[in-house]
Amino acid sequence: GLAAGAMSMAAGEYVSVSSQADTERADIRR
């Protein structure tokens, strides 16, 4: 549970925050 949860949290945070960063960059470009 510890290993799976840590990897899941890391992946989830990276993907979700990357989506936020993509949105921010797109707005800046506009």
PDB file of all heavy atoms in Angstrom:
ATOM      1  N   GLY A   1       0.821  -1.216   0.000  1.00  0.00           N
ATOM      2  CA  GLY A   1       0.000   0.000   0.000  1.00  0.00           C
ATOM      3  C   GLY A   1       0.846   1.254   0.000  1.00  0.00           C
ATOM      4  O   GLY A   1       0.520   2.234  -0.687  1.00  0.00           O
ATOM      5  N   LEU A   2       1.946   1.234   0.744  1.00  0.00           N
ATOM      6  CA  LEU A   2       2.836   2.399   0.797  1.00  0.00           C
ATOM      7  C   LEU A   2       3.476   2.662  -0.565  1.00  0.00           C
ATOM      8  O   LEU A   2       3.454   3.794  -1.063  1.00  0.00           O
ATOM      9  CB  LEU A   2       3.917   2.161   1.856  1.00  0.00           C
ATOM     10  CG  LEU A   2       4.842   3.328   2.210  1.00  0.00           C
ATOM     11  CD1 LEU A   2       5.405   3.136   3.623  1.00  0.00           C
ATOM     12  CD2 LEU A   2       6.003   3.466   1.232  1.00  0.00           C
ATOM     13  N   ALA A   3       4.028   1.611  -1.179  1.00  0.00           N
ATOM     14  CA  ALA A   3       4.701   1.787  -2.464  1.00  0.00           C
ATOM     15  C   ALA A   3       3.720   2.214  -3.558  1.00  0.00           C
ATOM     16  O   ALA A   3       3.978   3.163  -4.315  1.00  0.00           O
ATOM     17  CB  ALA A   3       5.397   0.489  -2.861  1.00  0.00           C
ATOM     18  N   ALA A   4       2.592   1.511  -3.628  1.00  0.00           N
ATOM     19  CA  ALA A   4       1.610   1.835  -4.667  1.00  0.00           C
ATOM     20  C   ALA A   4       1.032   3.226  -4.460  1.00  0.00           C
ATOM     21  O   ALA A   4       0.848   3.992  -5.413  1.00  0.00           O
ATOM     22  CB  ALA A   4       0.491   0.793  -4.662  1.00  0.00           C
ATOM     23  N   GLY A   5       0.747   3.556  -3.209  1.00  0.00           N
ATOM     24  CA  GLY A   5       0.166   4.861  -2.916  1.00  0.00           C
ATOM     25  C   GLY A   5       1.117   6.003  -3.221  1.00  0.00           C
ATOM     26  O   GLY A   5       0.718   7.026  -3.782  1.00  0.00           O
ATOM     27  N   ALA A   6       2.393   5.834  -2.871  1.00  0.00           N
ATOM     28  CA  ALA A   6       3.372   6.890  -3.130  1.00  0.00           C
ATOM     29  C   ALA A   6       3.519   7.137  -4.628  1.00  0.00           C
ATOM     30  O   ALA A   6       3.557   8.289  -5.082  1.00  0.00           O
ATOM     31  CB  ALA A   6       4.725   6.509  -2.523  1.00  0.00           C
ATOM     32  N   MET A   7       3.600   6.058  -5.401  1.00  0.00           N
ATOM     33  CA  MET A   7       3.728   6.216  -6.857  1.00  0.00           C
ATOM     34  C   MET A   7       2.459   6.828  -7.455  1.00  0.00           C
ATOM     35  O   MET A   7       2.520   7.665  -8.357  1.00  0.00           O
ATOM     36  CB  MET A   7       4.003   4.859  -7.500  1.00  0.00           C
ATOM     37  CG  MET A   7       5.358   4.262  -7.140  1.00  0.00           C
ATOM     38  SD  MET A   7       6.759   5.347  -7.579  1.00  0.00           S
ATOM     39  CE  MET A   7       7.145   6.119  -5.994  1.00  0.00           C
ATOM     40  N   SER A   8       1.322   6.393  -6.937  1.00  0.00           N
ATOM     41  CA  SER A   8       0.056   6.925  -7.437  1.00  0.00           C
ATOM     42  C   SER A   8      -0.088   8.413  -7.137  1.00  0.00           C
ATOM     43  O   SER A   8      -0.503   9.205  -7.988  1.00  0.00           O
ATOM     44  CB  SER A   8      -1.114   6.154  -6.823  1.00  0.00           C
ATOM     45  OG  SER A   8      -2.354   6.696  -7.228  1.00  0.00           O
ATOM     46  N   MET A   9       0.288   8.812  -5.911  1.00  0.00           N
ATOM     47  CA  MET A   9       0.196  10.216  -5.541  1.00  0.00           C
ATOM     48  C   MET A   9       1.143  11.058  -6.375  1.00  0.00           C
ATOM     49  O   MET A   9       0.781  12.144  -6.846  1.00  0.00           O
ATOM     50  CB  MET A   9       0.534  10.386  -4.056  1.00  0.00           C
ATOM     51  CG  MET A   9      -0.515   9.845  -3.101  1.00  0.00           C
ATOM     52  SD  MET A   9      -2.095  10.710  -3.197  1.00  0.00           S
ATOM     53  CE  MET A   9      -1.615  12.341  -2.667  1.00  0.00           C
ATOM     54  N   ALA A  10       2.360  10.562  -6.582  1.00  0.00           N
ATOM     55  CA  ALA A  10       3.333  11.310  -7.374  1.00  0.00           C
ATOM     56  C   ALA A  10       2.851  11.477  -8.801  1.00  0.00           C
ATOM     57  O   ALA A  10       2.898  12.585  -9.368  1.00  0.00           O
ATOM     58  CB  ALA A  10       4.694  10.609  -7.346  1.00  0.00           C
ATOM     59  N   ALA A  11       2.384  10.385  -9.383  1.00  0.00           N
ATOM     60  CA  ALA A  11       1.904  10.453 -10.767  1.00  0.00           C
ATOM     61  C   ALA A  11       0.681  11.355 -10.879  1.00  0.00           C
ATOM     62  O   ALA A  11       0.571  12.162 -11.812  1.00  0.00           O
ATOM     63  CB  ALA A  11       1.577   9.050 -11.269  1.00  0.00           C
ATOM     64  N   GLY A  12      -0.240  11.218  -9.929  1.00  0.00           N
ATOM     65  CA  GLY A  12      -1.449  12.030  -9.967  1.00  0.00           C
ATOM     66  C   GLY A  12      -1.155  13.513  -9.826  1.00  0.00           C
ATOM     67  O   GLY A  12      -1.715  14.345 -10.546  1.00  0.00           O
ATOM     68  N   GLU A  13      -0.281  13.850  -8.883  1.00  0.00           N
ATOM     69  CA  GLU A  13       0.095  15.255  -8.705  1.00  0.00           C
ATOM     70  C   GLU A  13       0.785  15.797  -9.950  1.00  0.00           C
ATOM     71  O   GLU A  13       0.510  16.908 -10.399  1.00  0.00           O
ATOM     72  CB  GLU A  13       1.018  15.410  -7.489  1.00  0.00           C
ATOM     73  CG  GLU A  13       0.311  15.368  -6.161  1.00  0.00           C
ATOM     74  CD  GLU A  13      -0.508  16.629  -5.896  1.00  0.00           C
ATOM     75  OE1 GLU A  13      -0.269  17.656  -6.545  1.00  0.00           O
ATOM     76  OE2 GLU A  13      -1.407  16.570  -5.039  1.00  0.00           O
ATOM     77  N   TYR A  14       1.711  15.003 -10.505  1.00  0.00           N
ATOM     78  CA  TYR A  14       2.456  15.480 -11.672  1.00  0.00           C
ATOM     79  C   TYR A  14       1.524  15.725 -12.855  1.00  0.00           C
ATOM     80  O   TYR A  14       1.611  16.760 -13.526  1.00  0.00           O
ATOM     81  CB  TYR A  14       3.532  14.472 -12.066  1.00  0.00           C
ATOM     82  CG  TYR A  14       4.465  14.997 -13.123  1.00  0.00           C
ATOM     83  CD1 TYR A  14       5.581  15.750 -12.780  1.00  0.00           C
ATOM     84  CD2 TYR A  14       4.222  14.768 -14.480  1.00  0.00           C
ATOM     85  CE1 TYR A  14       6.427  16.259 -13.745  1.00  0.00           C
ATOM     86  CE2 TYR A  14       5.063  15.271 -15.451  1.00  0.00           C
ATOM     87  CZ  TYR A  14       6.173  16.015 -15.078  1.00  0.00           C
ATOM     88  OH  TYR A  14       6.991  16.523 -16.043  1.00  0.00           O
ATOM     89  N   VAL A  15       0.624  14.787 -13.096  1.00  0.00           N
ATOM     90  CA  VAL A  15      -0.293  14.922 -14.234  1.00  0.00           C
ATOM     91  C   VAL A  15      -1.257  16.087 -14.030  1.00  0.00           C
ATOM     92  O   VAL A  15      -1.472  16.900 -14.933  1.00  0.00           O
ATOM     93  CB  VAL A  15      -1.080  13.610 -14.450  1.00  0.00           C
ATOM     94  CG1 VAL A  15      -2.196  13.812 -15.466  1.00  0.00           C
ATOM     95  CG2 VAL A  15      -0.139  12.507 -14.921  1.00  0.00           C
ATOM     96  N   SER A  16      -1.839  16.195 -12.837  1.00  0.00           N
ATOM     97  CA  SER A  16      -2.833  17.242 -12.606  1.00  0.00           C
ATOM     98  C   SER A  16      -2.194  18.629 -12.612  1.00  0.00           C
ATOM     99  O   SER A  16      -2.741  19.574 -13.197  1.00  0.00           O
ATOM    100  CB  SER A  16      -3.562  17.007 -11.279  1.00  0.00           C
ATOM    101  OG  SER A  16      -2.663  17.080 -10.190  1.00  0.00           O
ATOM    102  N   VAL A  17      -1.025  18.758 -11.970  1.00  0.00           N
ATOM    103  CA  VAL A  17      -0.372  20.061 -11.942  1.00  0.00           C
ATOM    104  C   VAL A  17       0.195  20.409 -13.315  1.00  0.00           C
ATOM    105  O   VAL A  17       0.245  21.582 -13.695  1.00  0.00           O
ATOM    106  CB  VAL A  17       0.722  20.097 -10.850  1.00  0.00           C
ATOM    107  CG1 VAL A  17       1.439  21.442 -10.844  1.00  0.00           C
ATOM    108  CG2 VAL A  17       0.101  19.850  -9.482  1.00  0.00           C
ATOM    109  N   SER A  18       0.611  19.398 -14.077  1.00  0.00           N
ATOM    110  CA  SER A  18       1.063  19.652 -15.447  1.00  0.00           C
ATOM    111  C   SER A  18      -0.078  20.188 -16.295  1.00  0.00           C
ATOM    112  O   SER A  18       0.127  21.089 -17.127  1.00  0.00           O
ATOM    113  CB  SER A  18       1.612  18.367 -16.075  1.00  0.00           C
ATOM    114  OG  SER A  18       2.811  17.964 -15.453  1.00  0.00           O
ATOM    115  N   SER A  19      -1.279  19.662 -16.092  1.00  0.00           N
ATOM    116  CA  SER A  19      -2.446  20.175 -16.818  1.00  0.00           C
ATOM    117  C   SER A  19      -2.695  21.635 -16.462  1.00  0.00           C
ATOM    118  O   SER A  19      -3.015  22.459 -17.321  1.00  0.00           O
ATOM    119  CB  SER A  19      -3.680  19.329 -16.485  1.00  0.00           C
ATOM    120  OG  SER A  19      -3.506  17.996 -16.918  1.00  0.00           O
ATOM    121  N   GLN A  20      -2.544  21.950 -15.175  1.00  0.00           N
ATOM    122  CA  GLN A  20      -2.692  23.344 -14.746  1.00  0.00           C
ATOM    123  C   GLN A  20      -1.629  24.224 -15.402  1.00  0.00           C
ATOM    124  O   GLN A  20      -1.927  25.331 -15.877  1.00  0.00           O
ATOM    125  CB  GLN A  20      -2.567  23.436 -13.227  1.00  0.00           C
ATOM    126  CG  GLN A  20      -2.661  24.858 -12.686  1.00  0.00           C
ATOM    127  CD  GLN A  20      -2.418  24.927 -11.188  1.00  0.00           C
ATOM    128  OE1 GLN A  20      -2.519  23.926 -10.484  1.00  0.00           O
ATOM    129  NE2 GLN A  20      -2.081  26.106 -10.702  1.00  0.00           N
ATOM    130  N   ALA A  21      -0.381  23.728 -15.439  1.00  0.00           N
ATOM    131  CA  ALA A  21       0.698  24.495 -16.049  1.00  0.00           C
ATOM    132  C   ALA A  21       0.461  24.699 -17.541  1.00  0.00           C
ATOM    133  O   ALA A  21       0.744  25.765 -18.096  1.00  0.00           O
ATOM    134  CB  ALA A  21       2.038  23.786 -15.820  1.00  0.00           C
ATOM    135  N   ASP A  22      -0.080  23.676 -18.214  1.00  0.00           N
ATOM    136  CA  ASP A  22      -0.386  23.798 -19.644  1.00  0.00           C
ATOM    137  C   ASP A  22      -1.428  24.887 -19.883  1.00  0.00           C
ATOM    138  O   ASP A  22      -1.323  25.675 -20.828  1.00  0.00           O
ATOM    139  CB  ASP A  22      -0.904  22.463 -20.192  1.00  0.00           C
ATOM    140  CG  ASP A  22       0.185  21.406 -20.262  1.00  0.00           C
ATOM    141  OD1 ASP A  22       1.373  21.774 -20.201  1.00  0.00           O
ATOM    142  OD2 ASP A  22      -0.160  20.210 -20.366  1.00  0.00           O
ATOM    143  N   THR A  23      -2.434  24.920 -19.014  1.00  0.00           N
ATOM    144  CA  THR A  23      -3.475  25.942 -19.132  1.00  0.00           C
ATOM    145  C   THR A  23      -2.898  27.333 -18.923  1.00  0.00           C
ATOM    146  O   THR A  23      -3.235  28.283 -19.633  1.00  0.00           O
ATOM    147  CB  THR A  23      -4.596  25.672 -18.112  1.00  0.00           C
ATOM    148  OG1 THR A  23      -5.148  24.372 -18.347  1.00  0.00           O
ATOM    149  CG2 THR A  23      -5.700  26.711 -18.225  1.00  0.00           C
ATOM    150  N   GLU A  24      -2.026  27.461 -17.925  1.00  0.00           N
ATOM    151  CA  GLU A  24      -1.399  28.755 -17.658  1.00  0.00           C
ATOM    152  C   GLU A  24      -0.566  29.217 -18.855  1.00  0.00           C
ATOM    153  O   GLU A  24      -0.639  30.387 -19.262  1.00  0.00           O
ATOM    154  CB  GLU A  24      -0.528  28.657 -16.399  1.00  0.00           C
ATOM    155  CG  GLU A  24      -1.316  28.460 -15.119  1.00  0.00           C
ATOM    156  CD  GLU A  24      -0.426  28.241 -13.918  1.00  0.00           C
ATOM    157  OE1 GLU A  24       0.822  28.219 -14.103  1.00  0.00           O
ATOM    158  OE2 GLU A  24      -0.943  28.086 -12.798  1.00  0.00           O
ATOM    159  N   ARG A  25       0.227  28.306 -19.419  1.00  0.00           N
ATOM    160  CA  ARG A  25       1.058  28.669 -20.572  1.00  0.00           C
ATOM    161  C   ARG A  25       0.207  29.059 -21.780  1.00  0.00           C
ATOM    162  O   ARG A  25       0.549  29.984 -22.520  1.00  0.00           O
ATOM    163  CB  ARG A  25       1.991  27.511 -20.930  1.00  0.00           C
ATOM    164  CG  ARG A  25       3.188  27.376 -19.998  1.00  0.00           C
ATOM    165  CD  ARG A  25       4.216  26.422 -20.567  1.00  0.00           C
ATOM    166  NE  ARG A  25       3.723  25.056 -20.587  1.00  0.00           N
ATOM    167  CZ  ARG A  25       3.920  24.183 -19.609  1.00  0.00           C
ATOM    168  NH1 ARG A  25       4.606  24.533 -18.530  1.00  0.00           N
ATOM    169  NH2 ARG A  25       3.456  22.956 -19.695  1.00  0.00           N
ATOM    170  N   ALA A  26      -0.917  28.342 -21.963  1.00  0.00           N
ATOM    171  CA  ALA A  26      -1.800  28.663 -23.083  1.00  0.00           C
ATOM    172  C   ALA A  26      -2.404  30.060 -22.918  1.00  0.00           C
ATOM    173  O   ALA A  26      -2.501  30.827 -23.890  1.00  0.00           O
ATOM    174  CB  ALA A  26      -2.910  27.619 -23.194  1.00  0.00           C
ATOM    175  N   ASP A  27      -2.796  30.393 -21.699  1.00  0.00           N
ATOM    176  CA  ASP A  27      -3.352  31.728 -21.445  1.00  0.00           C
ATOM    177  C   ASP A  27      -2.297  32.814 -21.662  1.00  0.00           C
ATOM    178  O   ASP A  27      -2.585  33.884 -22.198  1.00  0.00           O
ATOM    179  CB  ASP A  27      -3.906  31.810 -20.015  1.00  0.00           C
ATOM    180  CG  ASP A  27      -5.378  31.442 -19.952  1.00  0.00           C
ATOM    181  OD1 ASP A  27      -6.025  31.414 -21.012  1.00  0.00           O
ATOM    182  OD2 ASP A  27      -5.868  31.179 -18.841  1.00  0.00           O
ATOM    183  N   ILE A  28      -1.086  32.536 -21.225  1.00  0.00           N
ATOM    184  CA  ILE A  28      -0.004  33.512 -21.422  1.00  0.00           C
ATOM    185  C   ILE A  28       0.261  33.715 -22.905  1.00  0.00           C
ATOM    186  O   ILE A  28       0.480  34.847 -23.362  1.00  0.00           O
ATOM    187  CB  ILE A  28       1.268  33.039 -20.697  1.00  0.00           C
ATOM    188  CG1 ILE A  28       1.051  33.091 -19.171  1.00  0.00           C
ATOM    189  CG2 ILE A  28       2.470  33.902 -21.083  1.00  0.00           C
ATOM    190  CD1 ILE A  28       2.176  32.475 -18.371  1.00  0.00           C
ATOM    191  N   ARG A  29       0.240  32.631 -23.667  1.00  0.00           N
ATOM    192  CA  ARG A  29       0.452  32.748 -25.110  1.00  0.00           C
ATOM    193  C   ARG A  29      -0.650  33.569 -25.753  1.00  0.00           C
ATOM    194  O   ARG A  29      -0.388  34.406 -26.642  1.00  0.00           O
ATOM    195  CB  ARG A  29       0.507  31.349 -25.728  1.00  0.00           C
ATOM    196  CG  ARG A  29       0.682  31.324 -27.246  1.00  0.00           C
ATOM    197  CD  ARG A  29       1.916  32.064 -27.673  1.00  0.00           C
ATOM    198  NE  ARG A  29       2.059  32.082 -29.124  1.00  0.00           N
ATOM    199  CZ  ARG A  29       2.837  32.911 -29.788  1.00  0.00           C
ATOM    200  NH1 ARG A  29       3.555  33.821 -29.131  1.00  0.00           N
ATOM    201  NH2 ARG A  29       2.918  32.851 -31.099  1.00  0.00           N
ATOM    202  N   ARG A  30      -1.899  33.385 -25.312  1.00  0.00           N
ATOM    203  CA  ARG A  30      -3.007  34.172 -25.876  1.00  0.00           C
ATOM    204  C   ARG A  30      -2.837  35.660 -25.557  1.00  0.00           C
ATOM    205  O   ARG A  30      -3.134  36.524 -26.393  1.00  0.00           O
ATOM    206  CB  ARG A  30      -4.344  33.653 -25.339  1.00  0.00           C
ATOM    207  CG  ARG A  30      -4.837  32.382 -26.049  1.00  0.00           C
ATOM    208  CD  ARG A  30      -6.284  32.073 -25.694  1.00  0.00           C
ATOM    209  NE  ARG A  30      -6.401  31.596 -24.322  1.00  0.00           N
ATOM    210  CZ  ARG A  30      -6.321  30.313 -23.987  1.00  0.00           C
ATOM    211  NH1 ARG A  30      -6.098  29.391 -24.909  1.00  0.00           N
ATOM    212  NH2 ARG A  30      -6.452  29.932 -22.728  1.00  0.00           N
TER     213      ARG A  30
END
